[in-house]
Amino acid sequence: MAIYEYLCPDCGPFDVFLPMGTAPETRDCSACEGPARRRFSGPHLRRVHPVLAASLAREERSREAPEVVPAPGGTSGSAPGGVPRRRASGRPARPPHPALARLPRP
């Protein structure tokens, strides 16, 4: 079911639930039964669950300004001063994956 919005000149706007594509150009007002013309309006996105709305907003923001991290796991590949980090075993840490080198850095 789709929500169609109509505008009555006397009573103002009102919504009607109809199957998609079946809304007529004019419809009788539900209050005064006068002719009301169909209005073209945006989709009713206010009825989206808040968690879904936040996820969609975060995804849209990431298109233009992706979140940049120093390296996978939140650590960079070298210590301050450019010295390679060492693992607990004493061996140097592996270099990052080559695909990660193409990511923007702060």
PDB file of N, CA and C in Angstrom:
ATOM      1  N   MET A   1       0.845  -1.178   0.000  1.00  0.00           N
ATOM      2  CA  MET A   1       0.000   0.000   0.000  1.00  0.00           C
ATOM      3  C   MET A   1       0.889   1.239   0.000  1.00  0.00           C
ATOM      4  N   ALA A   2       0.471   2.220  -0.748  1.00  0.00           N
ATOM      5  CA  ALA A   2       1.188   3.484  -0.823  1.00  0.00           C
ATOM      6  C   ALA A   2       0.356   4.569  -0.137  1.00  0.00           C
ATOM      7  N   ILE A   3       1.025   5.605   0.312  1.00  0.00           N
ATOM      8  CA  ILE A   3       0.345   6.732   0.944  1.00  0.00           C
ATOM      9  C   ILE A   3       0.287   7.858  -0.077  1.00  0.00           C
ATOM     10  N   TYR A   4      -0.920   8.292  -0.405  1.00  0.00           N
ATOM     11  CA  TYR A   4      -1.115   9.392  -1.338  1.00  0.00           C
ATOM     12  C   TYR A   4      -1.666  10.584  -0.574  1.00  0.00           C
ATOM     13  N   GLU A   5      -1.166  11.762  -0.911  1.00  0.00           N
ATOM     14  CA  GLU A   5      -1.578  12.977  -0.216  1.00  0.00           C
ATOM     15  C   GLU A   5      -2.490  13.788  -1.126  1.00  0.00           C
ATOM     16  N   TYR A   6      -3.606  14.233  -0.570  1.00  0.00           N
ATOM     17  CA  TYR A   6      -4.572  15.069  -1.284  1.00  0.00           C
ATOM     18  C   TYR A   6      -4.707  16.383  -0.540  1.00  0.00           C
ATOM     19  N   LEU A   7      -5.081  17.458  -1.261  1.00  0.00           N
ATOM     20  CA  LEU A   7      -5.237  18.776  -0.671  1.00  0.00           C
ATOM     21  C   LEU A   7      -6.641  19.286  -0.931  1.00  0.00           C
ATOM     22  N   CYS A   8      -7.392  19.450   0.135  1.00  0.00           N
ATOM     23  CA  CYS A   8      -8.740  20.005   0.054  1.00  0.00           C
ATOM     24  C   CYS A   8      -8.611  21.515   0.220  1.00  0.00           C
ATOM     25  N   PRO A   9      -9.255  22.323  -0.653  1.00  0.00           N
ATOM     26  CA  PRO A   9      -9.138  23.779  -0.520  1.00  0.00           C
ATOM     27  C   PRO A   9      -9.731  24.305   0.792  1.00  0.00           C
ATOM     28  N   ASP A  10     -10.686  23.593   1.379  1.00  0.00           N
ATOM     29  CA  ASP A  10     -11.328  24.053   2.619  1.00  0.00           C
ATOM     30  C   ASP A  10     -10.694  23.450   3.868  1.00  0.00           C
ATOM     31  N   CYS A  11     -10.402  22.154   3.853  1.00  0.00           N
ATOM     32  CA  CYS A  11      -9.945  21.442   5.061  1.00  0.00           C
ATOM     33  C   CYS A  11      -8.428  21.302   5.159  1.00  0.00           C
ATOM     34  N   GLY A  12      -7.730  21.344   4.048  1.00  0.00           N
ATOM     35  CA  GLY A  12      -6.283  21.179   4.066  1.00  0.00           C
ATOM     36  C   GLY A  12      -5.869  19.783   3.611  1.00  0.00           C
ATOM     37  N   PRO A  13      -4.611  19.407   3.852  1.00  0.00           N
ATOM     38  CA  PRO A  13      -4.099  18.126   3.354  1.00  0.00           C
ATOM     39  C   PRO A  13      -4.599  16.933   4.171  1.00  0.00           C
ATOM     40  N   PHE A  14      -4.727  15.789   3.488  1.00  0.00           N
ATOM     41  CA  PHE A  14      -5.049  14.522   4.149  1.00  0.00           C
ATOM     42  C   PHE A  14      -4.424  13.390   3.353  1.00  0.00           C
ATOM     43  N   ASP A  15      -4.165  12.283   4.028  1.00  0.00           N
ATOM     44  CA  ASP A  15      -3.508  11.127   3.414  1.00  0.00           C
ATOM     45  C   ASP A  15      -4.510  10.013   3.182  1.00  0.00           C
ATOM     46  N   VAL A  16      -4.253   9.229   2.102  1.00  0.00           N
ATOM     47  CA  VAL A  16      -5.096   8.086   1.769  1.00  0.00           C
ATOM     48  C   VAL A  16      -4.174   6.913   1.447  1.00  0.00           C
ATOM     49  N   PHE A  17      -4.456   5.743   2.002  1.00  0.00           N
ATOM     50  CA  PHE A  17      -3.711   4.524   1.706  1.00  0.00           C
ATOM     51  C   PHE A  17      -4.413   3.798   0.563  1.00  0.00           C
ATOM     52  N   LEU A  18      -3.709   3.636  -0.563  1.00  0.00           N
ATOM     53  CA  LEU A  18      -4.261   2.966  -1.737  1.00  0.00           C
ATOM     54  C   LEU A  18      -3.194   2.058  -2.329  1.00  0.00           C
ATOM     55  N   PRO A  19      -3.602   1.034  -3.106  1.00  0.00           N
ATOM     56  CA  PRO A  19      -2.596   0.234  -3.809  1.00  0.00           C
ATOM     57  C   PRO A  19      -1.788   1.119  -4.759  1.00  0.00           C
ATOM     58  N   MET A  20      -0.541   0.796  -4.918  1.00  0.00           N
ATOM     59  CA  MET A  20       0.357   1.605  -5.728  1.00  0.00           C
ATOM     60  C   MET A  20      -0.149   1.743  -7.159  1.00  0.00           C
ATOM     61  N   GLY A  21      -0.163   2.979  -7.644  1.00  0.00           N
ATOM     62  CA  GLY A  21      -0.553   3.258  -9.022  1.00  0.00           C
ATOM     63  C   GLY A  21      -2.052   3.368  -9.241  1.00  0.00           C
ATOM     64  N   THR A  22      -2.844   3.364  -8.195  1.00  0.00           N
ATOM     65  CA  THR A  22      -4.300   3.419  -8.378  1.00  0.00           C
ATOM     66  C   THR A  22      -4.912   4.724  -7.894  1.00  0.00           C
ATOM     67  N   ALA A  23      -4.111   5.714  -7.521  1.00  0.00           N
ATOM     68  CA  ALA A  23      -4.646   6.964  -6.974  1.00  0.00           C
ATOM     69  C   ALA A  23      -5.205   7.840  -8.091  1.00  0.00           C
ATOM     70  N   PRO A  24      -6.476   8.271  -7.964  1.00  0.00           N
ATOM     71  CA  PRO A  24      -7.042   9.172  -8.965  1.00  0.00           C
ATOM     72  C   PRO A  24      -6.538  10.600  -8.763  1.00  0.00           C
ATOM     73  N   GLU A  25      -6.710  11.458  -9.786  1.00  0.00           N
ATOM     74  CA  GLU A  25      -6.285  12.858  -9.714  1.00  0.00           C
ATOM     75  C   GLU A  25      -7.060  13.624  -8.645  1.00  0.00           C
ATOM     76  N   THR A  26      -8.360  13.365  -8.543  1.00  0.00           N
ATOM     77  CA  THR A  26      -9.177  14.027  -7.531  1.00  0.00           C
ATOM     78  C   THR A  26      -9.886  12.969  -6.695  1.00  0.00           C
ATOM     79  N   ARG A  27     -10.217  13.375  -5.472  1.00  0.00           N
ATOM     80  CA  ARG A  27     -10.884  12.461  -4.545  1.00  0.00           C
ATOM     81  C   ARG A  27     -11.734  13.312  -3.614  1.00  0.00           C
ATOM     82  N   ASP A  28     -12.824  12.762  -3.127  1.00  0.00           N
ATOM     83  CA  ASP A  28     -13.667  13.494  -2.193  1.00  0.00           C
ATOM     84  C   ASP A  28     -12.957  13.608  -0.852  1.00  0.00           C
ATOM     85  N   CYS A  29     -13.026  14.793  -0.263  1.00  0.00           N
ATOM     86  CA  CYS A  29     -12.420  15.043   1.044  1.00  0.00           C
ATOM     87  C   CYS A  29     -13.120  14.173   2.086  1.00  0.00           C
ATOM     88  N   SER A  30     -12.350  13.661   3.022  1.00  0.00           N
ATOM     89  CA  SER A  30     -12.927  12.799   4.043  1.00  0.00           C
ATOM     90  C   SER A  30     -13.738  13.592   5.072  1.00  0.00           C
ATOM     91  N   ALA A  31     -13.508  14.908   5.188  1.00  0.00           N
ATOM     92  CA  ALA A  31     -14.222  15.718   6.176  1.00  0.00           C
ATOM     93  C   ALA A  31     -15.452  16.409   5.574  1.00  0.00           C
ATOM     94  N   CYS A  32     -15.230  17.168   4.472  1.00  0.00           N
ATOM     95  CA  CYS A  32     -16.329  17.956   3.916  1.00  0.00           C
ATOM     96  C   CYS A  32     -16.924  17.360   2.643  1.00  0.00           C
ATOM     97  N   GLU A  33     -16.324  16.314   2.143  1.00  0.00           N
ATOM     98  CA  GLU A  33     -16.745  15.618   0.919  1.00  0.00           C
ATOM     99  C   GLU A  33     -16.690  16.483  -0.336  1.00  0.00           C
ATOM    100  N   GLY A  34     -15.905  17.568  -0.289  1.00  0.00           N
ATOM    101  CA  GLY A  34     -15.662  18.391  -1.467  1.00  0.00           C
ATOM    102  C   GLY A  34     -14.523  17.806  -2.287  1.00  0.00           C
ATOM    103  N   PRO A  35     -14.317  18.278  -3.524  1.00  0.00           N
ATOM    104  CA  PRO A  35     -13.240  17.736  -4.358  1.00  0.00           C
ATOM    105  C   PRO A  35     -11.859  18.171  -3.850  1.00  0.00           C
ATOM    106  N   ALA A  36     -10.958  17.226  -3.795  1.00  0.00           N
ATOM    107  CA  ALA A  36      -9.579  17.496  -3.370  1.00  0.00           C
ATOM    108  C   ALA A  36      -8.640  16.978  -4.445  1.00  0.00           C
ATOM    109  N   ARG A  37      -7.632  17.789  -4.781  1.00  0.00           N
ATOM    110  CA  ARG A  37      -6.657  17.400  -5.810  1.00  0.00           C
ATOM    111  C   ARG A  37      -5.480  16.673  -5.171  1.00  0.00           C
ATOM    112  N   ARG A  38      -4.928  15.760  -5.920  1.00  0.00           N
ATOM    113  CA  ARG A  38      -3.782  14.992  -5.445  1.00  0.00           C
ATOM    114  C   ARG A  38      -2.548  15.877  -5.447  1.00  0.00           C
ATOM    115  N   ARG A  39      -1.743  15.794  -4.369  1.00  0.00           N
ATOM    116  CA  ARG A  39      -0.474  16.515  -4.258  1.00  0.00           C
ATOM    117  C   ARG A  39       0.653  15.523  -4.449  1.00  0.00           C
ATOM    118  N   PHE A  40       1.707  15.962  -5.101  1.00  0.00           N
ATOM    119  CA  PHE A  40       2.894  15.130  -5.232  1.00  0.00           C
ATOM    120  C   PHE A  40       3.865  15.541  -4.140  1.00  0.00           C
ATOM    121  N   SER A  41       4.188  14.604  -3.278  1.00  0.00           N
ATOM    122  CA  SER A  41       5.067  14.885  -2.145  1.00  0.00           C
ATOM    123  C   SER A  41       6.144  13.813  -2.073  1.00  0.00           C
ATOM    124  N   GLY A  42       7.125  14.092  -1.234  1.00  0.00           N
ATOM    125  CA  GLY A  42       8.205  13.133  -1.041  1.00  0.00           C
ATOM    126  C   GLY A  42       7.723  11.923  -0.275  1.00  0.00           C
ATOM    127  N   PRO A  43       8.500  10.856  -0.297  1.00  0.00           N
ATOM    128  CA  PRO A  43       8.103   9.661   0.456  1.00  0.00           C
ATOM    129  C   PRO A  43       8.118   9.940   1.955  1.00  0.00           C
ATOM    130  N   HIS A  44       7.325   9.208   2.684  1.00  0.00           N
ATOM    131  CA  HIS A  44       7.214   9.399   4.129  1.00  0.00           C
ATOM    132  C   HIS A  44       8.332   8.653   4.835  1.00  0.00           C
ATOM    133  N   LEU A  45       9.524   9.216   4.799  1.00  0.00           N
ATOM    134  CA  LEU A  45      10.691   8.565   5.386  1.00  0.00           C
ATOM    135  C   LEU A  45      10.741   8.719   6.905  1.00  0.00           C
ATOM    136  N   ARG A  46       9.890   9.544   7.452  1.00  0.00           N
ATOM    137  CA  ARG A  46       9.897   9.733   8.891  1.00  0.00           C
ATOM    138  C   ARG A  46       9.462   8.473   9.626  1.00  0.00           C
ATOM    139  N   ARG A  47       8.902   7.528   8.920  1.00  0.00           N
ATOM    140  CA  ARG A  47       8.429   6.298   9.548  1.00  0.00           C
ATOM    141  C   ARG A  47       9.487   5.201   9.544  1.00  0.00           C
ATOM    142  N   VAL A  48      10.706   5.535   9.167  1.00  0.00           N
ATOM    143  CA  VAL A  48      11.806   4.571   9.175  1.00  0.00           C
ATOM    144  C   VAL A  48      12.277   4.407  10.615  1.00  0.00           C
ATOM    145  N   HIS A  49      12.605   3.187  11.013  1.00  0.00           N
ATOM    146  CA  HIS A  49      13.095   2.906  12.363  1.00  0.00           C
ATOM    147  C   HIS A  49      14.353   3.742  12.609  1.00  0.00           C
ATOM    148  N   PRO A  50      14.507   4.315  13.808  1.00  0.00           N
ATOM    149  CA  PRO A  50      15.661   5.182  14.079  1.00  0.00           C
ATOM    150  C   PRO A  50      17.015   4.514  13.865  1.00  0.00           C
ATOM    151  N   VAL A  51      17.135   3.238  14.167  1.00  0.00           N
ATOM    152  CA  VAL A  51      18.410   2.541  13.968  1.00  0.00           C
ATOM    153  C   VAL A  51      18.723   2.446  12.475  1.00  0.00           C
ATOM    154  N   LEU A  52      17.708   2.134  11.657  1.00  0.00           N
ATOM    155  CA  LEU A  52      17.910   2.068  10.217  1.00  0.00           C
ATOM    156  C   LEU A  52      18.228   3.448   9.653  1.00  0.00           C
ATOM    157  N   ALA A  53      17.557   4.483  10.135  1.00  0.00           N
ATOM    158  CA  ALA A  53      17.824   5.844   9.664  1.00  0.00           C
ATOM    159  C   ALA A  53      19.262   6.250   9.976  1.00  0.00           C
ATOM    160  N   ALA A  54      19.757   5.908  11.165  1.00  0.00           N
ATOM    161  CA  ALA A  54      21.139   6.232  11.531  1.00  0.00           C
ATOM    162  C   ALA A  54      22.128   5.471  10.656  1.00  0.00           C
ATOM    163  N   SER A  55      21.845   4.218  10.357  1.00  0.00           N
ATOM    164  CA  SER A  55      22.725   3.425   9.489  1.00  0.00           C
ATOM    165  C   SER A  55      22.760   3.999   8.079  1.00  0.00           C
ATOM    166  N   LEU A  56      21.605   4.382   7.557  1.00  0.00           N
ATOM    167  CA  LEU A  56      21.554   4.964   6.214  1.00  0.00           C
ATOM    168  C   LEU A  56      22.299   6.290   6.166  1.00  0.00           C
ATOM    169  N   ALA A  57      22.160   7.106   7.196  1.00  0.00           N
ATOM    170  CA  ALA A  57      22.868   8.386   7.239  1.00  0.00           C
ATOM    171  C   ALA A  57      24.375   8.178   7.304  1.00  0.00           C
ATOM    172  N   ARG A  58      24.829   7.216   8.125  1.00  0.00           N
ATOM    173  CA  ARG A  58      26.261   6.925   8.236  1.00  0.00           C
ATOM    174  C   ARG A  58      26.813   6.423   6.902  1.00  0.00           C
ATOM    175  N   GLU A  59      26.042   5.572   6.213  1.00  0.00           N
ATOM    176  CA  GLU A  59      26.477   5.048   4.921  1.00  0.00           C
ATOM    177  C   GLU A  59      26.569   6.176   3.890  1.00  0.00           C
ATOM    178  N   GLU A  60      25.624   7.116   3.913  1.00  0.00           N
ATOM    179  CA  GLU A  60      25.669   8.237   2.975  1.00  0.00           C
ATOM    180  C   GLU A  60      26.863   9.136   3.248  1.00  0.00           C
ATOM    181  N   ARG A  61      27.150   9.402   4.520  1.00  0.00           N
ATOM    182  CA  ARG A  61      28.303  10.243   4.860  1.00  0.00           C
ATOM    183  C   ARG A  61      29.603   9.591   4.415  1.00  0.00           C
ATOM    184  N   SER A  62      29.673   8.263   4.484  1.00  0.00           N
ATOM    185  CA  SER A  62      30.923   7.584   4.148  1.00  0.00           C
ATOM    186  C   SER A  62      31.223   7.629   2.656  1.00  0.00           C
ATOM    187  N   ARG A  63      30.242   7.949   1.834  1.00  0.00           N
ATOM    188  CA  ARG A  63      30.504   8.079   0.398  1.00  0.00           C
ATOM    189  C   ARG A  63      31.426   9.249   0.109  1.00  0.00           C
ATOM    190  N   GLU A  64      31.184  10.373   0.782  1.00  0.00           N
ATOM    191  CA  GLU A  64      31.952  11.587   0.528  1.00  0.00           C
ATOM    192  C   GLU A  64      33.183  11.703   1.432  1.00  0.00           C
ATOM    193  N   ALA A  65      33.062  11.268   2.668  1.00  0.00           N
ATOM    194  CA  ALA A  65      34.155  11.399   3.618  1.00  0.00           C
ATOM    195  C   ALA A  65      34.311  10.082   4.377  1.00  0.00           C
ATOM    196  N   PRO A  66      34.997   9.102   3.781  1.00  0.00           N
ATOM    197  CA  PRO A  66      35.126   7.811   4.466  1.00  0.00           C
ATOM    198  C   PRO A  66      35.923   7.947   5.755  1.00  0.00           C
ATOM    199  N   GLU A  67      35.583   7.101   6.700  1.00  0.00           N
ATOM    200  CA  GLU A  67      36.297   7.080   7.967  1.00  0.00           C
ATOM    201  C   GLU A  67      37.676   6.479   7.724  1.00  0.00           C
ATOM    202  N   VAL A  68      38.726   7.214   8.104  1.00  0.00           N
ATOM    203  CA  VAL A  68      40.099   6.770   7.848  1.00  0.00           C
ATOM    204  C   VAL A  68      40.681   6.214   9.133  1.00  0.00           C
ATOM    205  N   VAL A  69      41.247   5.025   9.038  1.00  0.00           N
ATOM    206  CA  VAL A  69      41.917   4.407  10.179  1.00  0.00           C
ATOM    207  C   VAL A  69      43.383   4.240   9.832  1.00  0.00           C
ATOM    208  N   PRO A  70      44.275   4.265  10.817  1.00  0.00           N
ATOM    209  CA  PRO A  70      45.698   4.147  10.510  1.00  0.00           C
ATOM    210  C   PRO A  70      46.067   2.793   9.906  1.00  0.00           C
ATOM    211  N   ALA A  71      45.477   1.707  10.396  1.00  0.00           N
ATOM    212  CA  ALA A  71      45.755   0.375   9.872  1.00  0.00           C
ATOM    213  C   ALA A  71      44.702  -0.573  10.446  1.00  0.00           C
ATOM    214  N   PRO A  72      44.569  -1.766   9.907  1.00  0.00           N
ATOM    215  CA  PRO A  72      43.598  -2.707  10.467  1.00  0.00           C
ATOM    216  C   PRO A  72      43.892  -2.976  11.936  1.00  0.00           C
ATOM    217  N   GLY A  73      42.861  -3.034  12.733  1.00  0.00           N
ATOM    218  CA  GLY A  73      43.044  -3.288  14.152  1.00  0.00           C
ATOM    219  C   GLY A  73      43.323  -2.036  14.954  1.00  0.00           C
ATOM    220  N   GLY A  74      43.388  -0.878  14.313  1.00  0.00           N
ATOM    221  CA  GLY A  74      43.561   0.378  15.020  1.00  0.00           C
ATOM    222  C   GLY A  74      44.994   0.714  15.388  1.00  0.00           C
ATOM    223  N   THR A  75      45.984  -0.026  14.884  1.00  0.00           N
ATOM    224  CA  THR A  75      47.381   0.312  15.164  1.00  0.00           C
ATOM    225  C   THR A  75      48.071   0.586  13.852  1.00  0.00           C
ATOM    226  N   SER A  76      49.059   1.408  13.878  1.00  0.00           N
ATOM    227  CA  SER A  76      49.792   1.680  12.642  1.00  0.00           C
ATOM    228  C   SER A  76      50.945   0.685  12.503  1.00  0.00           C
ATOM    229  N   GLY A  77      51.531   0.612  11.341  1.00  0.00           N
ATOM    230  CA  GLY A  77      52.580  -0.357  11.064  1.00  0.00           C
ATOM    231  C   GLY A  77      53.925   0.007  11.656  1.00  0.00           C
ATOM    232  N   SER A  78      54.079   1.240  12.133  1.00  0.00           N
ATOM    233  CA  SER A  78      55.367   1.607  12.719  1.00  0.00           C
ATOM    234  C   SER A  78      55.146   2.440  13.963  1.00  0.00           C
ATOM    235  N   ALA A  79      56.106   2.405  14.818  1.00  0.00           N
ATOM    236  CA  ALA A  79      56.064   3.189  16.047  1.00  0.00           C
ATOM    237  C   ALA A  79      56.415   4.628  15.702  1.00  0.00           C
ATOM    238  N   PRO A  80      56.237   5.560  16.640  1.00  0.00           N
ATOM    239  CA  PRO A  80      56.627   6.943  16.368  1.00  0.00           C
ATOM    240  C   PRO A  80      58.094   7.019  15.962  1.00  0.00           C
ATOM    241  N   GLY A  81      58.375   7.827  14.969  1.00  0.00           N
ATOM    242  CA  GLY A  81      59.740   7.961  14.467  1.00  0.00           C
ATOM    243  C   GLY A  81      60.030   7.052  13.296  1.00  0.00           C
ATOM    244  N   GLY A  82      59.053   6.281  12.822  1.00  0.00           N
ATOM    245  CA  GLY A  82      59.244   5.434  11.656  1.00  0.00           C
ATOM    246  C   GLY A  82      59.895   4.097  11.947  1.00  0.00           C
ATOM    247  N   VAL A  83      60.091   3.767  13.210  1.00  0.00           N
ATOM    248  CA  VAL A  83      60.708   2.488  13.575  1.00  0.00           C
ATOM    249  C   VAL A  83      59.647   1.397  13.483  1.00  0.00           C
ATOM    250  N   PRO A  84      59.936   0.284  12.753  1.00  0.00           N
ATOM    251  CA  PRO A  84      58.932  -0.785  12.653  1.00  0.00           C
ATOM    252  C   PRO A  84      58.608  -1.352  14.022  1.00  0.00           C
ATOM    253  N   ARG A  85      57.317  -1.602  14.251  1.00  0.00           N
ATOM    254  CA  ARG A  85      56.896  -2.198  15.512  1.00  0.00           C
ATOM    255  C   ARG A  85      57.330  -3.655  15.559  1.00  0.00           C
ATOM    256  N   ARG A  86      57.508  -4.150  16.765  1.00  0.00           N
ATOM    257  CA  ARG A  86      57.877  -5.548  16.940  1.00  0.00           C
ATOM    258  C   ARG A  86      56.765  -6.261  17.676  1.00  0.00           C
ATOM    259  N   ARG A  87      56.602  -7.521  17.325  1.00  0.00           N
ATOM    260  CA  ARG A  87      55.629  -8.355  18.026  1.00  0.00           C
ATOM    261  C   ARG A  87      56.193  -8.738  19.380  1.00  0.00           C
ATOM    262  N   ALA A  88      55.354  -9.376  20.187  1.00  0.00           N
ATOM    263  CA  ALA A  88      55.808  -9.832  21.508  1.00  0.00           C
ATOM    264  C   ALA A  88      56.944 -10.843  21.367  1.00  0.00           C
ATOM    265  N   SER A  89      56.976 -11.566  20.221  1.00  0.00           N
ATOM    266  CA  SER A  89      58.030 -12.564  20.020  1.00  0.00           C
ATOM    267  C   SER A  89      59.356 -11.925  19.624  1.00  0.00           C
ATOM    268  N   GLY A  90      59.368 -10.599  19.366  1.00  0.00           N
ATOM    269  CA  GLY A  90      60.604  -9.931  18.987  1.00  0.00           C
ATOM    270  C   GLY A  90      60.750  -9.765  17.490  1.00  0.00           C
ATOM    271  N   ARG A  91      59.901 -10.456  16.685  1.00  0.00           N
ATOM    272  CA  ARG A  91      59.980 -10.311  15.231  1.00  0.00           C
ATOM    273  C   ARG A  91      59.270  -9.031  14.801  1.00  0.00           C
ATOM    274  N   PRO A  92      59.714  -8.414  13.709  1.00  0.00           N
ATOM    275  CA  PRO A  92      59.017  -7.215  13.225  1.00  0.00           C
ATOM    276  C   PRO A  92      57.591  -7.572  12.783  1.00  0.00           C
ATOM    277  N   ALA A  93      56.689  -6.615  12.912  1.00  0.00           N
ATOM    278  CA  ALA A  93      55.305  -6.815  12.478  1.00  0.00           C
ATOM    279  C   ALA A  93      55.251  -6.928  10.966  1.00  0.00           C
ATOM    280  N   ARG A  94      54.256  -7.675  10.470  1.00  0.00           N
ATOM    281  CA  ARG A  94      54.117  -7.813   9.024  1.00  0.00           C
ATOM    282  C   ARG A  94      53.757  -6.481   8.397  1.00  0.00           C
ATOM    283  N   PRO A  95      54.208  -6.225   7.181  1.00  0.00           N
ATOM    284  CA  PRO A  95      53.803  -4.989   6.509  1.00  0.00           C
ATOM    285  C   PRO A  95      52.305  -5.051   6.184  1.00  0.00           C
ATOM    286  N   PRO A  96      51.652  -3.916   6.085  1.00  0.00           N
ATOM    287  CA  PRO A  96      50.223  -3.926   5.787  1.00  0.00           C
ATOM    288  C   PRO A  96      49.945  -4.460   4.389  1.00  0.00           C
ATOM    289  N   HIS A  97      48.717  -4.865   4.167  1.00  0.00           N
ATOM    290  CA  HIS A  97      48.294  -5.371   2.865  1.00  0.00           C
ATOM    291  C   HIS A  97      48.468  -4.270   1.820  1.00  0.00           C
ATOM    292  N   PRO A  98      48.967  -4.601   0.596  1.00  0.00           N
ATOM    293  CA  PRO A  98      49.210  -3.570  -0.422  1.00  0.00           C
ATOM    294  C   PRO A  98      47.958  -2.770  -0.797  1.00  0.00           C
ATOM    295  N   ALA A  99      46.784  -3.390  -0.724  1.00  0.00           N
ATOM    296  CA  ALA A  99      45.563  -2.659  -1.078  1.00  0.00           C
ATOM    297  C   ALA A  99      45.291  -1.527  -0.093  1.00  0.00           C
ATOM    298  N   LEU A 100      45.760  -1.679   1.149  1.00  0.00           N
ATOM    299  CA  LEU A 100      45.538  -0.649   2.148  1.00  0.00           C
ATOM    300  C   LEU A 100      46.371   0.606   1.886  1.00  0.00           C
ATOM    301  N   ALA A 101      47.418   0.492   1.096  1.00  0.00           N
ATOM    302  CA  ALA A 101      48.261   1.637   0.790  1.00  0.00           C
ATOM    303  C   ALA A 101      47.509   2.672  -0.062  1.00  0.00           C
ATOM    304  N   ARG A 102      46.445   2.250  -0.759  1.00  0.00           N
ATOM    305  CA  ARG A 102      45.705   3.169  -1.623  1.00  0.00           C
ATOM    306  C   ARG A 102      44.662   3.974  -0.847  1.00  0.00           C
ATOM    307  N   LEU A 103      44.436   3.636   0.427  1.00  0.00           N
ATOM    308  CA  LEU A 103      43.447   4.349   1.223  1.00  0.00           C
ATOM    309  C   LEU A 103      43.969   5.726   1.608  1.00  0.00           C
ATOM    310  N   PRO A 104      43.093   6.725   1.705  1.00  0.00           N
ATOM    311  CA  PRO A 104      43.561   8.055   2.116  1.00  0.00           C
ATOM    312  C   PRO A 104      44.006   8.040   3.578  1.00  0.00           C
ATOM    313  N   ARG A 105      44.990   8.802   3.869  1.00  0.00           N
ATOM    314  CA  ARG A 105      45.530   8.909   5.228  1.00  0.00           C
ATOM    315  C   ARG A 105      45.318  10.329   5.728  1.00  0.00           C
ATOM    316  N   PRO A 106      45.137  10.473   7.056  1.00  0.00           N
ATOM    317  CA  PRO A 106      44.924  11.822   7.616  1.00  0.00           C
ATOM    318  C   PRO A 106      46.175  12.657   7.544  1.00  0.00           C
TER     319      PRO A 106
END
